[in-house]
Protein backbone atom coordinates (compact mmCIF):
# COMPACT_ATOMS: atom_id res chain seq x y z
CA UNK A 1 170.33 6.76 -48.78
CA UNK A 2 167.17 6.72 -46.71
CA UNK A 3 166.90 9.16 -43.79
CA UNK A 4 164.50 7.94 -41.07
CA UNK A 5 163.60 10.16 -38.13
CA UNK A 6 162.44 9.33 -34.61
CA UNK A 7 158.75 9.92 -35.28
CA UNK A 8 158.74 7.66 -38.34
CA UNK A 9 160.48 4.91 -36.37
CA UNK A 10 158.04 5.11 -33.45
CA UNK A 11 155.06 5.03 -35.79
CA UNK A 12 156.17 1.84 -37.54
CA UNK A 13 158.33 -0.17 -35.15
CA UNK A 14 157.34 -1.35 -31.66
CA UNK A 15 158.38 -3.60 -28.78
CA UNK A 16 156.99 -6.77 -30.36
CA UNK A 17 159.01 -6.06 -33.52
CA UNK A 18 162.17 -5.49 -31.49
CA UNK A 19 161.73 -8.69 -29.46
CA UNK A 20 161.36 -10.71 -32.67
CA UNK A 21 164.36 -9.14 -34.40
CA UNK A 22 166.66 -9.28 -31.39
CA UNK A 23 165.77 -12.91 -30.67
CA UNK A 24 166.78 -13.72 -34.23
CA UNK A 25 170.12 -11.91 -34.00
CA UNK A 26 170.92 -13.45 -30.61
CA UNK A 27 170.60 -16.87 -32.21
CA UNK A 28 172.59 -15.75 -35.29
CA UNK A 29 175.38 -14.52 -33.01
CA UNK A 30 175.55 -17.92 -31.31
CA UNK A 31 175.85 -19.47 -34.78
CA UNK A 32 178.84 -17.28 -35.70
CA UNK A 33 176.96 -15.21 -38.27
CA UNK A 34 177.57 -11.83 -36.63
CA UNK A 35 180.79 -9.82 -36.39
CA UNK A 36 180.76 -7.55 -33.35
CA UNK A 37 184.02 -5.66 -32.69
CA UNK A 38 184.36 -4.16 -29.24
CA UNK A 39 182.92 -0.69 -28.95
CA UNK A 40 184.97 2.43 -28.28
CA UNK A 41 183.95 4.62 -25.35
CA UNK A 42 185.10 8.21 -24.96
CA UNK A 43 184.53 9.60 -21.46
CA UNK A 44 184.04 13.25 -20.50
CA UNK A 45 184.47 13.06 -16.70
CA UNK A 46 183.88 16.75 -16.08
CA UNK A 47 180.33 16.24 -17.37
CA UNK A 48 179.92 12.63 -16.21
CA UNK A 49 179.24 11.95 -19.89
CA UNK A 50 180.22 9.39 -22.51
CA UNK A 51 180.24 8.92 -26.27
CA UNK A 52 180.03 5.37 -27.61
CA UNK A 53 181.01 4.13 -31.11
CA UNK A 54 179.57 0.70 -31.87
CA UNK A 55 180.15 -1.21 -35.17
CA UNK A 56 178.75 -4.61 -36.18
CA UNK A 57 177.97 -6.68 -39.28
CA UNK A 58 175.55 -9.40 -40.33
CA UNK A 59 177.88 -11.69 -42.29
CA UNK A 60 175.02 -13.62 -43.88
CA UNK A 61 172.63 -10.73 -44.51
CA UNK A 62 175.40 -8.59 -46.03
CA UNK A 63 174.60 -5.52 -43.98
CA UNK A 64 176.73 -3.57 -41.51
CA UNK A 65 176.00 -0.80 -39.09
CA UNK A 66 177.61 1.62 -36.71
CA UNK A 67 175.86 3.43 -33.90
CA UNK A 68 177.16 6.61 -32.34
CA UNK A 69 175.42 7.44 -29.07
CA UNK A 70 176.16 10.19 -26.59
CA UNK A 71 175.03 10.12 -22.95
CA UNK A 72 175.13 13.51 -21.24
CA UNK A 73 173.24 13.41 -17.90
CA UNK A 74 173.35 17.18 -17.43
CA UNK A 75 171.46 17.82 -20.68
CA UNK A 76 167.89 17.91 -19.27
CA UNK A 77 168.78 21.06 -17.34
CA UNK A 78 169.46 22.64 -20.74
CA UNK A 79 166.28 21.28 -22.28
CA UNK A 80 168.13 18.61 -24.24
CA UNK A 81 167.78 14.80 -24.05
CA UNK A 82 170.27 12.79 -21.99
CA UNK A 83 170.81 10.23 -24.75
CA UNK A 84 171.25 11.11 -28.43
CA UNK A 85 172.31 8.78 -31.19
CA UNK A 86 172.42 7.86 -34.86
CA UNK A 87 172.76 4.54 -36.68
CA UNK A 88 174.31 4.28 -40.15
CA UNK A 89 173.52 1.13 -42.17
CA UNK A 90 175.72 0.06 -45.07
CA UNK A 91 175.37 -2.63 -47.72
CA UNK A 92 178.17 -5.11 -46.96
CA UNK A 93 178.11 -6.42 -50.54
CA UNK A 94 178.98 -3.13 -52.27
CA UNK A 95 179.71 -0.63 -49.48
CA UNK A 96 176.75 1.62 -50.29
CA UNK A 97 175.38 3.56 -47.32
CA UNK A 98 171.68 2.70 -47.39
CA UNK A 99 170.12 4.30 -44.31
CA UNK A 100 170.72 6.81 -41.54
CA UNK A 101 168.33 6.84 -38.61
CA UNK A 102 167.98 8.35 -35.17
CA UNK A 103 168.91 5.93 -32.42
CA UNK A 104 167.70 7.31 -29.09
CA UNK A 105 164.35 5.52 -29.16
CA UNK A 106 165.90 2.42 -30.73
CA UNK A 107 168.53 2.23 -27.98
CA UNK A 108 165.82 2.28 -25.34
CA UNK A 109 163.65 -0.12 -27.32
CA UNK A 110 166.33 -2.74 -27.95
CA UNK A 111 167.36 -2.62 -24.28
CA UNK A 112 163.74 -3.12 -23.25
CA UNK A 113 163.45 -5.99 -25.72
CA UNK A 114 166.56 -7.65 -24.27
CA UNK A 115 165.01 -7.45 -20.80
CA UNK A 116 161.76 -8.82 -22.21
CA UNK A 117 163.56 -11.83 -23.69
CA UNK A 118 165.42 -12.41 -20.41
CA UNK A 119 162.23 -11.95 -18.38
CA UNK A 120 160.34 -14.41 -20.58
CA UNK A 121 162.93 -17.09 -19.88
CA UNK A 122 163.94 -16.28 -16.31
CA UNK A 123 161.02 -14.70 -14.43
CA UNK A 124 158.35 -16.84 -12.80
CA UNK A 125 155.30 -17.21 -15.00
CA UNK A 126 153.11 -16.08 -12.09
CA UNK A 127 155.05 -12.83 -11.60
CA UNK A 128 152.57 -10.04 -10.90
CA UNK A 129 154.51 -7.19 -9.25
CA UNK A 130 157.10 -5.15 -11.17
CA UNK A 131 159.35 -2.79 -9.22
CA UNK A 132 161.30 -0.20 -11.18
CA UNK A 133 164.25 1.60 -9.57
CA UNK A 134 165.21 4.65 -11.59
CA UNK A 135 162.52 6.31 -13.69
CA UNK A 136 164.61 8.07 -16.32
CA UNK A 137 164.19 7.68 -20.06
CA UNK A 138 165.68 4.17 -20.26
CA UNK A 139 163.17 2.78 -17.75
CA UNK A 140 160.08 3.37 -19.91
CA UNK A 141 160.84 0.66 -22.45
CA UNK A 142 161.92 -1.62 -19.60
CA UNK A 143 158.36 -1.52 -18.34
CA UNK A 144 156.92 -2.03 -21.83
CA UNK A 145 159.21 -5.02 -22.39
CA UNK A 146 158.18 -6.74 -19.16
CA UNK A 147 154.49 -6.05 -19.85
CA UNK A 148 154.90 -7.73 -23.24
CA UNK A 149 155.83 -11.07 -21.64
CA UNK A 150 154.27 -11.16 -18.15
CA UNK A 151 150.77 -10.42 -16.80
CA UNK A 152 151.83 -7.70 -14.40
CA UNK A 153 149.09 -6.45 -12.06
CA UNK A 154 150.98 -3.75 -10.13
CA UNK A 155 153.93 -1.46 -10.89
CA UNK A 156 155.98 0.10 -8.08
CA UNK A 157 158.10 3.11 -9.05
CA UNK A 158 161.16 4.26 -7.11
CA UNK A 159 163.21 7.36 -7.76
CA UNK A 160 165.38 9.62 -5.62
CA UNK A 161 162.96 12.37 -6.64
CA UNK A 162 159.41 11.05 -6.07
CA UNK A 163 157.96 13.72 -8.34
CA UNK A 164 159.89 12.22 -11.25
CA UNK A 165 158.52 8.78 -10.44
CA UNK A 166 154.99 10.20 -10.43
CA UNK A 167 155.57 11.91 -13.79
CA UNK A 168 156.83 8.58 -15.13
CA UNK A 169 153.63 6.88 -13.99
CA UNK A 170 151.54 9.56 -15.67
CA UNK A 171 153.52 9.01 -18.87
CA UNK A 172 152.84 5.26 -18.72
CA UNK A 173 149.13 5.92 -18.33
CA UNK A 174 149.12 8.41 -21.22
CA UNK A 175 150.84 5.79 -23.39
CA UNK A 176 147.96 3.41 -22.72
CA UNK A 177 149.36 1.26 -19.91
CA UNK A 178 146.39 0.32 -17.74
CA UNK A 179 148.32 -1.53 -15.02
CA UNK A 180 148.04 0.54 -11.81
CA UNK A 181 151.23 2.12 -10.52
CA UNK A 182 152.32 3.51 -7.18
CA UNK A 183 155.28 5.63 -6.12
CA UNK A 184 157.26 4.17 -3.22
CA UNK A 185 159.90 6.10 -1.28
CA UNK A 186 160.97 3.11 0.84
CA UNK A 187 163.36 1.10 -1.36
CA UNK A 188 163.35 -1.89 1.00
CA UNK A 189 159.56 -2.11 0.87
CA UNK A 190 159.56 -1.81 -2.92
CA UNK A 191 162.15 -4.58 -3.34
CA UNK A 192 160.41 -6.85 -0.79
CA UNK A 193 157.28 -6.85 -2.95
CA UNK A 194 158.94 -7.36 -6.33
CA UNK A 195 158.51 -10.47 -8.45
CA UNK A 196 160.48 -8.68 -11.17
CA UNK A 197 162.91 -5.86 -10.42
CA UNK A 198 164.20 -3.52 -13.12
CA UNK A 199 167.12 -1.21 -12.39
CA UNK A 200 167.77 1.57 -14.88
CA UNK A 201 170.11 4.03 -13.20
CA UNK A 202 173.63 5.30 -13.81
CA UNK A 203 174.52 4.91 -10.16
CA UNK A 204 178.06 4.34 -8.95
CA UNK A 205 176.66 2.72 -5.79
CA UNK A 206 174.14 -0.13 -5.32
CA UNK A 207 170.55 1.12 -5.40
CA UNK A 208 169.07 -1.65 -3.22
CA UNK A 209 170.12 -4.21 -0.61
CA UNK A 210 170.30 -7.74 -1.97
CA UNK A 211 169.16 -9.10 1.40
CA UNK A 212 165.72 -7.60 0.68
CA UNK A 213 165.10 -9.80 -2.37
CA UNK A 214 162.56 -12.53 -1.85
CA UNK A 215 163.19 -16.01 -3.29
CA UNK A 216 162.03 -16.30 -6.90
CA UNK A 217 162.78 -12.69 -7.85
CA UNK A 218 164.09 -11.90 -11.31
CA UNK A 219 166.29 -8.80 -11.74
CA UNK A 220 167.04 -6.88 -14.93
CA UNK A 221 170.07 -4.61 -14.52
CA UNK A 222 170.45 -2.32 -17.52
CA UNK A 223 171.49 1.12 -16.27
CA UNK A 224 175.18 0.66 -15.40
CA UNK A 225 177.46 0.18 -18.39
CA UNK A 226 180.88 1.34 -17.17
CA UNK A 227 183.34 -0.35 -14.77
CA UNK A 228 182.84 2.50 -12.30
CA UNK A 229 179.06 1.98 -12.09
CA UNK A 230 177.34 -0.42 -9.69
CA UNK A 231 173.54 -0.61 -9.48
CA UNK A 232 173.56 -4.05 -7.88
CA UNK A 233 175.42 -5.06 -4.71
CA UNK A 234 177.63 -8.05 -3.94
CA UNK A 235 174.89 -9.73 -1.93
CA UNK A 236 172.63 -9.84 -4.99
CA UNK A 237 175.40 -11.29 -7.15
CA UNK A 238 176.17 -13.92 -4.50
CA UNK A 239 172.49 -14.80 -3.95
CA UNK A 240 171.71 -15.13 -7.67
CA UNK A 241 171.24 -18.75 -8.72
CA UNK A 242 171.59 -17.81 -12.37
CA UNK A 243 173.38 -14.76 -13.82
CA UNK A 244 172.82 -14.24 -17.53
CA UNK A 245 174.75 -11.71 -19.64
CA UNK A 246 173.47 -10.01 -22.76
CA UNK A 247 176.98 -10.23 -24.24
CA UNK A 248 179.75 -11.91 -22.24
CA UNK A 249 182.63 -9.92 -23.76
CA UNK A 250 180.92 -6.63 -23.02
CA UNK A 251 179.88 -7.65 -19.52
CA UNK A 252 183.43 -8.73 -18.63
CA UNK A 253 184.75 -5.32 -19.66
CA UNK A 254 181.94 -3.00 -18.60
CA UNK A 255 179.60 -4.45 -15.93
CA UNK A 256 180.85 -2.59 -12.87
CA UNK A 257 178.99 -4.66 -10.29
CA UNK A 258 180.39 -7.92 -11.64
CA UNK A 259 183.89 -6.51 -12.11
CA UNK A 260 183.79 -5.32 -8.50
CA UNK A 261 182.73 -8.75 -7.25
CA UNK A 262 185.42 -10.48 -9.30
CA UNK A 263 188.09 -8.18 -7.91
CA UNK A 264 186.99 -8.08 -4.28
CA UNK A 265 185.49 -11.45 -3.43
CA UNK A 266 185.21 -15.13 -4.16
CA UNK A 267 182.97 -14.55 -7.18
CA UNK A 268 184.32 -15.15 -10.70
CA UNK A 269 183.06 -14.48 -14.23
CA UNK A 270 183.11 -18.26 -14.59
CA UNK A 271 180.00 -18.17 -12.40
CA UNK A 272 177.97 -16.57 -15.21
CA UNK A 273 175.40 -19.15 -16.20
CA UNK A 274 174.87 -18.18 -19.84
CA UNK A 275 174.68 -15.53 -22.49
CA UNK A 276 171.15 -14.53 -23.40
CA UNK A 277 171.59 -16.02 -26.88
CA UNK A 278 172.02 -19.46 -25.32
CA UNK A 279 168.63 -19.10 -23.66
CA UNK A 280 167.03 -17.61 -26.79
CA UNK A 281 168.23 -20.59 -28.83
CA UNK A 282 167.22 -23.08 -26.12
CA UNK A 283 170.81 -24.26 -25.71
CA UNK A 284 170.44 -23.73 -21.98
CA UNK A 285 167.42 -23.79 -19.70
CA UNK A 286 165.97 -20.63 -18.21
CA UNK A 287 164.26 -20.70 -14.83
CA UNK A 288 164.16 -24.20 -13.36
CA UNK A 289 162.53 -23.63 -9.97
CA UNK A 290 160.15 -21.18 -8.27
CA UNK A 291 162.77 -20.28 -5.65
CA UNK A 292 165.63 -19.30 -7.96
CA UNK A 293 166.86 -15.71 -7.88
CA UNK A 294 167.87 -14.76 -11.42
CA UNK A 295 169.85 -11.75 -12.61
CA UNK A 296 170.09 -10.51 -16.19
CA UNK A 297 172.94 -8.06 -16.73
CA UNK A 298 172.91 -5.92 -19.86
CA UNK A 299 175.56 -3.45 -21.00
CA UNK A 300 174.53 -3.40 -24.65
CA UNK A 301 176.28 -4.42 -27.86
CA UNK A 302 176.27 -3.10 -31.40
CA UNK A 303 174.59 -6.13 -32.95
CA UNK A 304 171.46 -5.44 -30.90
CA UNK A 305 171.30 -2.04 -32.56
CA UNK A 306 171.95 -3.65 -35.93
CA UNK A 307 168.98 -5.95 -35.38
CA UNK A 308 166.49 -3.16 -34.77
CA UNK A 309 167.99 -0.89 -37.43
CA UNK A 310 167.57 -3.65 -40.02
CA UNK A 311 163.97 -4.06 -38.90
CA UNK A 312 163.27 -0.34 -39.15
CA UNK A 313 164.90 -0.13 -42.59
CA UNK A 314 162.78 -3.03 -43.90
CA UNK A 315 159.59 -1.43 -42.59
CA UNK A 316 160.50 1.98 -43.98
CA UNK A 317 160.98 0.48 -47.44
CA UNK A 318 157.73 -1.47 -47.20
CA UNK A 319 155.76 1.59 -46.03
CA UNK A 320 157.60 4.03 -48.32
CA UNK A 321 158.52 6.23 -45.35
CA UNK A 322 161.67 8.21 -44.68
CA UNK A 323 163.39 10.66 -47.02
CA UNK A 324 165.54 9.43 -49.89
CA UNK A 325 168.67 11.49 -50.57
CA UNK A 326 171.48 11.16 -53.10
CA UNK A 327 174.95 10.54 -51.69
């Protein structure tokens, strides 16, 4: 079995790779080639933490995977990362376990790639201003994903703690992002200016007012992944001309903002326009007018992790990286 660590993954596998691999698996899923059982979530309420167990299989490629990821928001105070994970790949032809790799970076990367694919198909081509609400670890690859598909000229960063937003901007610059950024403490002002709005928080309450969205805005909502969480308010859901889900089964069970709207108002899950795979495979159109407000909701699914893990494994073999161990 090949052991692949975080540094080796980051050195060989990037956003462009993830976009390519996830686009392919989105289409494969639409074609019935992917088995994706529902994930199991264990909650630890006293720590506001969760542990997720996520299996999936490529029925054509004869490879299966399971990701175990833990999300402990109090960890940074102890000098530990919020999100920690591992992905185990197995040969579905003979059951051999072929690779074990760290998953923290890959989780962020595949989520950023999903937003990139959604942004490519739903955001206006002349989008120039990206507003990011929530500047934790998950937000970094959100920015990289959007930059991969749109010619952004200005990034506006919003965080409850402005110092964290500033540190995030410095990190972007150190990574090589040359697009200028600014820290904004007025959420309304930040949302008013956005062509693309990325939300990457674990908030239980909406982080902006949907009335502040201008026509033509595209929103990526990736932070909330439990029924109790709501980054986006009812107004946004009601104003959205197109709502696209990364995975409809997962969104029905876990997208708190949509569950809330379905339970409290006239909105229904039948109002979801499409799954992202339908847009990736050109089964349905993306943006159709400059005025549309579009909302991509992502809660994650195991086959997205399988896609990037397969890509990393292939690169590791090609580059002779990782550590081979006997099982």
